[in-house]
Amino acid sequence: MKHARKTTKRMRIVIGGTLVGAAALGTFAVVSASAGSSPSTAPRSAAGKNLARSTHLSADAAGRAAQAVLDAAAKENQRVSVAVVDRNGNTIVTLRGDGAGPQAYEAAQKKAFTAVSWNAPTSELVERLENAPTLKDIPGTLFLGGGVPVDAKGAPIAGIGVAGAPSGDLDEKFARAGAAALGK
């Protein structure tokens, strides 16, 4: 019986050592094979026709546009909030002007989102509601004047939304001032 235990222990050691050696050798073989693969047999990345490039507004540019909005509003003694969103409707920057109402912050974000989503000023979209009143039911949108899209090469890259002035026309005027600041 004693001999059987030693054999079993010995066998375990031999088997364990063999498995460790085989695993190490297998890893070495895989690494060596991968390193020496020719380009035609190497795994391919998702490059080329599977990827698309897009243009995005930088955070710095979004900040400049937002500040231009607040400056234009201040010249007319208006207290507004401004939001700049990216091409996907994600907020890049939001600024609440001194004295702007609490509702203006969220309204500015929704106007910016709406403008970039439809690549049209929100004042134009308000007119579309006459023919398609359910558009206003889409979550996150606000069909009031004050949102403008920002384009690059004919494609929307951002939206600027402004809220807090006494009219959507003024909000949109200030939003356009922010978009114009991006061209400088």
C-alpha atoms as a PDB file:
ATOM      1  CA  MET A   1       0.000   0.000   0.000  1.00  0.00           C
ATOM      2  CA  LYS A   2       2.783   2.316   0.788  1.00  0.00           C
ATOM      3  CA  HIS A   3       4.249   1.658  -2.618  1.00  0.00           C
ATOM      4  CA  ALA A   4       0.911   2.482  -4.306  1.00  0.00           C
ATOM      5  CA  ARG A   5       0.823   5.889  -2.595  1.00  0.00           C
ATOM      6  CA  LYS A   6       4.331   6.728  -3.765  1.00  0.00           C
ATOM      7  CA  THR A   7       3.451   5.687  -7.273  1.00  0.00           C
ATOM      8  CA  THR A   8       0.298   7.776  -7.199  1.00  0.00           C
ATOM      9  CA  LYS A   9       2.195  10.772  -5.867  1.00  0.00           C
ATOM     10  CA  ARG A  10       4.957  10.232  -8.386  1.00  0.00           C
ATOM     11  CA  MET A  11       2.410   9.876 -11.170  1.00  0.00           C
ATOM     12  CA  ARG A  12       0.764  13.099 -10.149  1.00  0.00           C
ATOM     13  CA  ILE A  13       4.090  14.901 -10.278  1.00  0.00           C
ATOM     14  CA  VAL A  14       4.927  13.446 -13.686  1.00  0.00           C
ATOM     15  CA  ILE A  15       1.491  14.201 -15.099  1.00  0.00           C
ATOM     16  CA  GLY A  16       1.487  17.717 -13.633  1.00  0.00           C
ATOM     17  CA  GLY A  17       4.961  18.433 -14.974  1.00  0.00           C
ATOM     18  CA  THR A  18       3.984  17.124 -18.389  1.00  0.00           C
ATOM     19  CA  LEU A  19       0.884  19.320 -18.497  1.00  0.00           C
ATOM     20  CA  VAL A  20       2.810  22.425 -17.443  1.00  0.00           C
ATOM     21  CA  GLY A  21       5.480  21.703 -20.053  1.00  0.00           C
ATOM     22  CA  ALA A  22       2.885  21.127 -22.763  1.00  0.00           C
ATOM     23  CA  ALA A  23       1.055  24.341 -21.888  1.00  0.00           C
ATOM     24  CA  ALA A  24       4.292  26.336 -21.983  1.00  0.00           C
ATOM     25  CA  LEU A  25       5.307  24.778 -25.281  1.00  0.00           C
ATOM     26  CA  GLY A  26       1.854  25.409 -26.753  1.00  0.00           C
ATOM     27  CA  THR A  27       1.938  29.067 -25.704  1.00  0.00           C
ATOM     28  CA  PHE A  28       5.407  29.471 -27.203  1.00  0.00           C
ATOM     29  CA  ALA A  29       4.271  27.858 -30.449  1.00  0.00           C
ATOM     30  CA  VAL A  30       1.223  30.145 -30.738  1.00  0.00           C
ATOM     31  CA  VAL A  31       3.250  33.275 -30.015  1.00  0.00           C
ATOM     32  CA  SER A  32       5.942  32.214 -32.456  1.00  0.00           C
ATOM     33  CA  ALA A  33       3.418  31.388 -35.156  1.00  0.00           C
ATOM     34  CA  SER A  34       1.639  34.723 -34.731  1.00  0.00           C
ATOM     35  CA  ALA A  35       4.887  36.668 -34.870  1.00  0.00           C
ATOM     36  CA  GLY A  36       5.974  34.932 -38.036  1.00  0.00           C
ATOM     37  CA  SER A  37       2.648  35.032 -39.910  1.00  0.00           C
ATOM     38  CA  SER A  38       2.642  36.523 -43.339  1.00  0.00           C
ATOM     39  CA  PRO A  39       0.235  39.419 -43.991  1.00  0.00           C
ATOM     40  CA  SER A  40      -2.076  37.151 -45.976  1.00  0.00           C
ATOM     41  CA  THR A  41      -2.570  34.728 -43.073  1.00  0.00           C
ATOM     42  CA  ALA A  42      -2.490  37.247 -40.194  1.00  0.00           C
ATOM     43  CA  PRO A  43      -5.803  38.189 -38.588  1.00  0.00           C
ATOM     44  CA  ARG A  44      -7.326  41.254 -40.243  1.00  0.00           C
ATOM     45  CA  SER A  45      -8.395  44.356 -38.391  1.00  0.00           C
ATOM     46  CA  ALA A  46     -11.673  46.175 -38.996  1.00  0.00           C
ATOM     47  CA  ALA A  47      -9.912  48.800 -41.124  1.00  0.00           C
ATOM     48  CA  GLY A  48     -10.770  49.967 -44.583  1.00  0.00           C
ATOM     49  CA  LYS A  49     -14.317  49.865 -45.870  1.00  0.00           C
ATOM     50  CA  ASN A  50     -15.677  48.805 -42.456  1.00  0.00           C
ATOM     51  CA  LEU A  51     -14.870  52.141 -40.817  1.00  0.00           C
ATOM     52  CA  ALA A  52     -16.345  55.573 -41.370  1.00  0.00           C
ATOM     53  CA  ARG A  53     -14.766  58.898 -40.530  1.00  0.00           C
ATOM     54  CA  SER A  54     -16.823  61.691 -39.092  1.00  0.00           C
ATOM     55  CA  THR A  55     -16.242  65.296 -38.168  1.00  0.00           C
ATOM     56  CA  HIS A  56     -16.898  66.416 -34.624  1.00  0.00           C
ATOM     57  CA  LEU A  57     -16.915  69.801 -32.971  1.00  0.00           C
ATOM     58  CA  SER A  58     -14.147  70.137 -30.373  1.00  0.00           C
ATOM     59  CA  ALA A  59     -14.911  71.066 -26.780  1.00  0.00           C
ATOM     60  CA  ASP A  60     -12.874  74.250 -27.234  1.00  0.00           C
ATOM     61  CA  ALA A  61     -14.929  75.292 -30.268  1.00  0.00           C
ATOM     62  CA  ALA A  62     -18.169  74.454 -28.457  1.00  0.00           C
ATOM     63  CA  GLY A  63     -17.067  76.639 -25.552  1.00  0.00           C
ATOM     64  CA  ARG A  64     -16.266  79.548 -27.888  1.00  0.00           C
ATOM     65  CA  ALA A  65     -19.662  79.233 -29.571  1.00  0.00           C
ATOM     66  CA  ALA A  66     -21.463  79.149 -26.224  1.00  0.00           C
ATOM     67  CA  GLN A  67     -19.598  82.212 -24.983  1.00  0.00           C
ATOM     68  CA  ALA A  68     -20.421  84.052 -28.223  1.00  0.00           C
ATOM     69  CA  VAL A  69     -24.100  83.342 -27.542  1.00  0.00           C
ATOM     70  CA  LEU A  70     -23.903  84.784 -24.029  1.00  0.00           C
ATOM     71  CA  ASP A  71     -22.001  87.833 -25.309  1.00  0.00           C
ATOM     72  CA  ALA A  72     -24.600  88.500 -28.050  1.00  0.00           C
ATOM     73  CA  ALA A  73     -27.430  88.161 -25.522  1.00  0.00           C
ATOM     74  CA  ALA A  74     -25.696  90.453 -23.025  1.00  0.00           C
ATOM     75  CA  LYS A  75     -25.415  93.192 -25.684  1.00  0.00           C
ATOM     76  CA  GLU A  76     -29.227  93.153 -25.838  1.00  0.00           C
ATOM     77  CA  ASN A  77     -29.591  92.843 -22.059  1.00  0.00           C
ATOM     78  CA  GLN A  78     -31.040  89.323 -22.326  1.00  0.00           C
ATOM     79  CA  ARG A  79     -30.475  86.530 -19.839  1.00  0.00           C
ATOM     80  CA  VAL A  80     -30.243  83.163 -21.570  1.00  0.00           C
ATOM     81  CA  SER A  81     -28.793  79.697 -21.264  1.00  0.00           C
ATOM     82  CA  VAL A  82     -27.015  77.974 -24.142  1.00  0.00           C
ATOM     83  CA  ALA A  83     -26.257  74.336 -24.928  1.00  0.00           C
ATOM     84  CA  VAL A  84     -24.002  72.912 -27.612  1.00  0.00           C
ATOM     85  CA  VAL A  85     -24.478  69.253 -28.515  1.00  0.00           C
ATOM     86  CA  ASP A  86     -22.461  66.983 -30.806  1.00  0.00           C
ATOM     87  CA  ARG A  87     -23.723  65.302 -33.975  1.00  0.00           C
ATOM     88  CA  ASN A  88     -25.291  62.543 -31.855  1.00  0.00           C
ATOM     89  CA  GLY A  89     -27.122  64.955 -29.561  1.00  0.00           C
ATOM     90  CA  ASN A  90     -24.742  64.493 -26.616  1.00  0.00           C
ATOM     91  CA  THR A  91     -24.088  67.678 -24.667  1.00  0.00           C
ATOM     92  CA  ILE A  92     -20.609  69.135 -25.148  1.00  0.00           C
ATOM     93  CA  VAL A  93     -21.125  72.312 -23.120  1.00  0.00           C
ATOM     94  CA  THR A  94     -23.981  74.115 -21.396  1.00  0.00           C
ATOM     95  CA  LEU A  95     -23.707  77.593 -19.933  1.00  0.00           C
ATOM     96  CA  ARG A  96     -26.327  79.310 -17.834  1.00  0.00           C
ATOM     97  CA  GLY A  97     -26.092  83.039 -18.266  1.00  0.00           C
ATOM     98  CA  ASP A  98     -26.305  85.258 -15.213  1.00  0.00           C
ATOM     99  CA  GLY A  99     -29.943  85.699 -14.300  1.00  0.00           C
ATOM    100  CA  ALA A 100     -31.289  83.127 -16.780  1.00  0.00           C
ATOM    101  CA  GLY A 101     -34.433  81.349 -15.629  1.00  0.00           C
ATOM    102  CA  PRO A 102     -34.263  77.788 -14.304  1.00  0.00           C
ATOM    103  CA  GLN A 103     -36.275  76.409 -17.242  1.00  0.00           C
ATOM    104  CA  ALA A 104     -33.838  77.855 -19.796  1.00  0.00           C
ATOM    105  CA  TYR A 105     -31.070  75.343 -19.100  1.00  0.00           C
ATOM    106  CA  GLU A 106     -33.070  72.247 -20.081  1.00  0.00           C
ATOM    107  CA  ALA A 107     -34.913  74.021 -22.887  1.00  0.00           C
ATOM    108  CA  ALA A 108     -31.583  75.040 -24.478  1.00  0.00           C
ATOM    109  CA  GLN A 109     -30.389  71.428 -24.451  1.00  0.00           C
ATOM    110  CA  LYS A 110     -33.590  70.189 -26.054  1.00  0.00           C
ATOM    111  CA  LYS A 111     -33.512  72.873 -28.749  1.00  0.00           C
ATOM    112  CA  ALA A 112     -29.897  72.001 -29.605  1.00  0.00           C
ATOM    113  CA  PHE A 113     -30.761  68.301 -29.768  1.00  0.00           C
ATOM    114  CA  THR A 114     -33.775  68.993 -31.976  1.00  0.00           C
ATOM    115  CA  ALA A 115     -31.786  71.211 -34.371  1.00  0.00           C
ATOM    116  CA  VAL A 116     -28.996  68.674 -34.903  1.00  0.00           C
ATOM    117  CA  SER A 117     -31.411  65.740 -35.121  1.00  0.00           C
ATOM    118  CA  TRP A 118     -33.298  67.254 -38.065  1.00  0.00           C
ATOM    119  CA  ASN A 119     -30.405  69.395 -39.366  1.00  0.00           C
ATOM    120  CA  ALA A 120     -32.707  72.406 -39.415  1.00  0.00           C
ATOM    121  CA  PRO A 121     -33.347  75.484 -37.294  1.00  0.00           C
ATOM    122  CA  THR A 122     -36.047  74.776 -34.756  1.00  0.00           C
ATOM    123  CA  SER A 123     -38.071  77.751 -36.016  1.00  0.00           C
ATOM    124  CA  GLU A 124     -38.485  75.890 -39.332  1.00  0.00           C
ATOM    125  CA  LEU A 125     -39.389  72.695 -37.511  1.00  0.00           C
ATOM    126  CA  VAL A 126     -42.190  74.479 -35.651  1.00  0.00           C
ATOM    127  CA  GLU A 127     -43.856  75.001 -39.041  1.00  0.00           C
ATOM    128  CA  ARG A 128     -43.589  71.276 -39.795  1.00  0.00           C
ATOM    129  CA  LEU A 129     -45.711  70.504 -36.737  1.00  0.00           C
ATOM    130  CA  GLU A 130     -48.768  71.702 -38.645  1.00  0.00           C
ATOM    131  CA  ASN A 131     -48.461  68.681 -40.973  1.00  0.00           C
ATOM    132  CA  ALA A 132     -46.965  66.245 -38.455  1.00  0.00           C
ATOM    133  CA  PRO A 133     -48.139  67.178 -34.947  1.00  0.00           C
ATOM    134  CA  THR A 134     -46.795  63.982 -33.384  1.00  0.00           C
ATOM    135  CA  LEU A 135     -43.191  65.107 -33.986  1.00  0.00           C
ATOM    136  CA  LYS A 136     -43.409  66.968 -30.685  1.00  0.00           C
ATOM    137  CA  ASP A 137     -43.919  63.632 -28.905  1.00  0.00           C
ATOM    138  CA  ILE A 138     -40.371  62.448 -29.641  1.00  0.00           C
ATOM    139  CA  PRO A 139     -38.456  62.357 -26.327  1.00  0.00           C
ATOM    140  CA  GLY A 140     -35.788  64.995 -25.791  1.00  0.00           C
ATOM    141  CA  THR A 141     -37.066  67.381 -28.456  1.00  0.00           C
ATOM    142  CA  LEU A 142     -38.447  70.905 -28.188  1.00  0.00           C
ATOM    143  CA  PHE A 143     -40.066  72.530 -31.182  1.00  0.00           C
ATOM    144  CA  LEU A 144     -39.639  76.192 -30.300  1.00  0.00           C
ATOM    145  CA  GLY A 145     -37.436  78.758 -32.017  1.00  0.00           C
ATOM    146  CA  GLY A 146     -33.906  78.987 -30.664  1.00  0.00           C
ATOM    147  CA  GLY A 147     -32.005  75.978 -32.011  1.00  0.00           C
ATOM    148  CA  VAL A 148     -29.674  75.920 -35.021  1.00  0.00           C
ATOM    149  CA  PRO A 149     -27.601  73.129 -36.533  1.00  0.00           C
ATOM    150  CA  VAL A 150     -23.892  73.526 -37.248  1.00  0.00           C
ATOM    151  CA  ASP A 151     -22.768  71.965 -40.534  1.00  0.00           C
ATOM    152  CA  ALA A 152     -19.421  70.928 -41.980  1.00  0.00           C
ATOM    153  CA  LYS A 153     -19.323  69.919 -45.643  1.00  0.00           C
ATOM    154  CA  GLY A 154     -23.115  69.683 -45.729  1.00  0.00           C
ATOM    155  CA  ALA A 155     -23.443  67.337 -42.756  1.00  0.00           C
ATOM    156  CA  PRO A 156     -24.567  68.275 -39.234  1.00  0.00           C
ATOM    157  CA  ILE A 157     -21.751  68.183 -36.671  1.00  0.00           C
ATOM    158  CA  ALA A 158     -23.428  69.999 -33.771  1.00  0.00           C
ATOM    159  CA  GLY A 159     -26.486  71.854 -32.586  1.00  0.00           C
ATOM    160  CA  ILE A 160     -26.702  75.092 -30.612  1.00  0.00           C
ATOM    161  CA  GLY A 161     -29.761  75.759 -28.504  1.00  0.00           C
ATOM    162  CA  VAL A 162     -30.634  78.968 -26.675  1.00  0.00           C
ATOM    163  CA  ALA A 163     -33.481  79.634 -24.268  1.00  0.00           C
ATOM    164  CA  GLY A 164     -34.508  82.422 -21.939  1.00  0.00           C
ATOM    165  CA  ALA A 165     -35.096  85.430 -24.190  1.00  0.00           C
ATOM    166  CA  PRO A 166     -38.662  86.731 -24.484  1.00  0.00           C
ATOM    167  CA  SER A 167     -39.093  85.117 -27.923  1.00  0.00           C
ATOM    168  CA  GLY A 168     -37.829  82.189 -29.950  1.00  0.00           C
ATOM    169  CA  ASP A 169     -36.733  84.661 -32.625  1.00  0.00           C
ATOM    170  CA  LEU A 170     -34.280  86.280 -30.200  1.00  0.00           C
ATOM    171  CA  ASP A 171     -33.112  82.899 -28.933  1.00  0.00           C
ATOM    172  CA  GLU A 172     -32.410  81.832 -32.503  1.00  0.00           C
ATOM    173  CA  LYS A 173     -30.632  85.112 -33.282  1.00  0.00           C
ATOM    174  CA  PHE A 174     -28.251  84.426 -30.394  1.00  0.00           C
ATOM    175  CA  ALA A 175     -27.815  80.780 -31.444  1.00  0.00           C
ATOM    176  CA  ARG A 176     -26.824  81.984 -34.918  1.00  0.00           C
ATOM    177  CA  ALA A 177     -24.254  84.291 -33.324  1.00  0.00           C
ATOM    178  CA  GLY A 178     -22.736  81.218 -31.673  1.00  0.00           C
ATOM    179  CA  ALA A 179     -22.648  79.343 -34.968  1.00  0.00           C
ATOM    180  CA  ALA A 180     -21.083  82.367 -36.689  1.00  0.00           C
ATOM    181  CA  ALA A 181     -18.318  82.451 -34.063  1.00  0.00           C
ATOM    182  CA  LEU A 182     -17.221  78.996 -35.250  1.00  0.00           C
ATOM    183  CA  GLY A 183     -16.412  80.417 -38.689  1.00  0.00           C
ATOM    184  CA  LYS A 184     -13.859  82.850 -37.275  1.00  0.00           C
END
